[in-house]
Protein backbone atom coordinates (compact mmCIF):
# COMPACT_ATOMS: atom_id res chain seq x y z
CA MET A 1 46.82 49.08 60.86
CA ALA A 2 47.16 46.95 57.48
CA LEU A 3 48.93 43.36 57.83
CA LEU A 4 49.89 44.06 54.16
CA ASN A 5 51.05 47.48 52.39
CA TRP A 6 50.69 47.55 48.53
CA ASN A 7 53.83 49.44 47.22
CA ARG A 8 54.89 50.04 43.51
CA GLY A 9 57.39 47.17 43.95
CA TYR A 10 54.53 44.58 43.80
CA LEU A 11 53.53 45.96 40.06
CA ILE A 12 54.44 43.85 37.39
CA GLY A 13 53.58 46.06 34.49
CA ASN A 14 49.96 44.38 33.60
CA ALA A 15 46.82 46.25 34.86
CA GLN A 16 44.59 43.39 35.20
CA ILE A 17 47.12 41.49 37.10
CA ASP A 18 48.06 44.17 39.27
CA SER A 19 44.64 45.53 40.10
CA ASP A 20 43.91 41.66 41.30
CA HIS A 21 46.98 41.71 43.25
CA GLN A 22 45.96 45.08 45.22
CA HIS A 23 42.15 43.56 45.42
CA LEU A 24 44.14 40.44 47.18
CA PHE A 25 45.82 42.81 49.14
CA ASP A 26 42.49 44.29 50.61
CA LEU A 27 40.70 41.28 51.25
CA ILE A 28 44.05 39.83 53.31
CA ASN A 29 43.27 43.07 55.04
CA SER A 30 39.96 42.61 55.58
CA PHE A 31 40.59 39.19 57.26
CA HIS A 32 43.12 40.35 59.27
CA TYR A 33 41.17 43.47 60.78
CA ALA A 34 38.29 41.06 61.48
CA PHE A 35 40.51 38.60 63.18
CA ILE A 36 41.87 41.59 65.28
CA GLN A 37 38.39 43.14 66.15
CA ASN A 38 37.33 39.69 67.54
CA ARG A 39 34.57 39.52 64.79
CA ASP A 40 32.14 36.22 65.10
CA ARG A 41 33.30 33.38 63.22
CA LEU A 42 31.04 33.47 60.41
CA GLY A 43 32.23 37.21 59.45
CA ILE A 44 35.54 35.88 59.48
CA LEU A 45 34.68 33.23 57.30
CA ARG A 46 32.69 35.09 55.12
CA ILE A 47 35.68 37.00 54.30
CA LEU A 48 37.95 34.29 53.70
CA ASN A 49 35.69 32.91 51.45
CA GLY A 50 35.71 35.68 49.54
CA LEU A 51 39.32 35.33 49.34
CA VAL A 52 39.49 31.94 48.24
CA GLN A 53 36.94 32.47 45.46
CA TYR A 54 38.82 35.92 44.34
CA ALA A 55 42.14 33.68 44.26
CA GLU A 56 40.93 31.10 42.37
CA GLU A 57 39.54 33.47 39.52
CA HIS A 58 42.92 35.39 39.56
CA PHE A 59 44.79 32.20 39.16
CA GLN A 60 42.88 31.39 35.95
CA ARG A 61 43.21 35.27 34.67
CA GLU A 62 46.70 35.10 35.19
CA GLU A 63 47.11 31.26 34.11
CA ALA A 64 44.95 32.35 30.81
CA MET A 65 47.14 35.44 30.22
CA MET A 66 50.43 33.34 30.43
CA ALA A 67 49.26 30.79 28.22
CA ASP A 68 48.08 33.68 25.86
CA ARG A 69 51.91 35.17 25.78
CA GLY A 70 53.44 31.98 25.50
CA TYR A 71 54.82 32.10 29.00
CA PRO A 72 57.55 29.02 29.15
CA GLU A 73 57.33 28.38 32.76
CA LEU A 74 53.20 28.27 32.51
CA GLU A 75 53.09 24.28 33.83
CA ALA A 76 55.06 25.18 37.16
CA HIS A 77 53.48 28.18 37.82
CA GLN A 78 49.93 26.23 37.04
CA ARG A 79 51.61 23.93 40.15
CA ILE A 80 52.69 26.55 42.41
CA HIS A 81 48.80 27.85 41.98
CA ALA A 82 47.42 24.74 42.58
CA GLY A 83 49.55 24.09 45.63
CA LEU A 84 48.65 27.74 47.15
CA PHE A 85 44.67 27.37 46.35
CA GLU A 86 45.17 23.81 48.04
CA THR A 87 46.34 25.53 51.07
CA ILE A 88 44.18 27.99 51.37
CA PHE A 89 41.32 25.92 50.71
CA GLN A 90 42.54 23.67 53.63
CA LEU A 91 42.84 26.68 55.76
CA GLN A 92 39.28 27.48 55.45
CA THR A 93 38.23 24.01 55.78
CA ASN A 94 39.96 23.91 59.28
CA LEU A 95 39.14 27.39 60.45
CA GLU A 96 35.38 26.53 59.94
CA ALA A 97 35.86 23.96 62.69
CA ALA A 98 39.11 25.26 64.91
CA SER A 99 39.95 27.54 67.45
CA ILE A 100 41.41 31.18 67.48
CA LYS A 101 44.97 29.35 66.84
CA MET A 102 44.11 28.64 63.53
CA GLU A 103 43.12 31.87 63.13
CA LYS A 104 46.59 32.76 63.70
CA GLU A 105 48.06 30.51 61.49
CA THR A 106 45.80 31.75 58.91
CA VAL A 107 46.87 35.35 59.07
CA GLU A 108 50.32 34.16 59.44
CA PHE A 109 50.08 32.08 55.69
CA LEU A 110 48.07 34.85 54.39
CA ARG A 111 50.63 37.47 55.34
CA HIS A 112 53.47 35.40 53.33
CA TRP A 113 51.52 33.75 50.52
CA LEU A 114 51.04 36.89 48.51
CA THR A 115 53.77 38.79 48.81
CA ASP A 116 56.31 35.88 48.57
CA HIS A 117 54.53 34.82 45.37
CA ILE A 118 54.48 38.09 44.03
CA ALA A 119 58.09 38.64 44.32
CA GLU A 120 59.33 35.27 43.69
CA HIS A 121 57.24 33.73 40.97
CA ASP A 122 55.03 36.73 39.46
CA THR A 123 58.13 38.89 38.73
CA LYS A 124 59.58 36.23 36.59
CA PHE A 125 56.44 36.78 34.35
CA ALA A 126 56.63 40.25 34.34
CA ARG A 127 60.37 40.07 33.41
CA PHE A 128 58.96 37.77 30.47
CA LEU A 129 56.24 40.27 29.48
CA ALA A 130 59.01 43.11 29.24
CA ALA A 131 61.68 41.26 27.27
CA PRO A 132 62.03 42.20 23.53
CA ALA A 133 60.25 39.51 21.52
């Protein structure tokens, strides 16, 4: 059973960003699946490392698009991304040395991080993109 289920409600209307978001859903679900299957810590960390790397790449692509389109809330969005990335990176660091409790906390953070971010912040950018110039 997937932790997160992708649906059309998460689309923001840009093919690259929507594809990135879908891939992030897949990575989070892979992490969750590895966790519930009691995979070895190294395997779980490998998946989380891939998620951290892809999230950073996604944030860069999204911010570049926002800059290119003149999005007025770019700086605020960059701060949000920086905070999310810092949290993910810290979870990754903590998970490298922590117990199963940390893995559960990581799963819970990941469950809400992406869906909440898309629903609250990325949809603002979608509305900006859709607005007549």
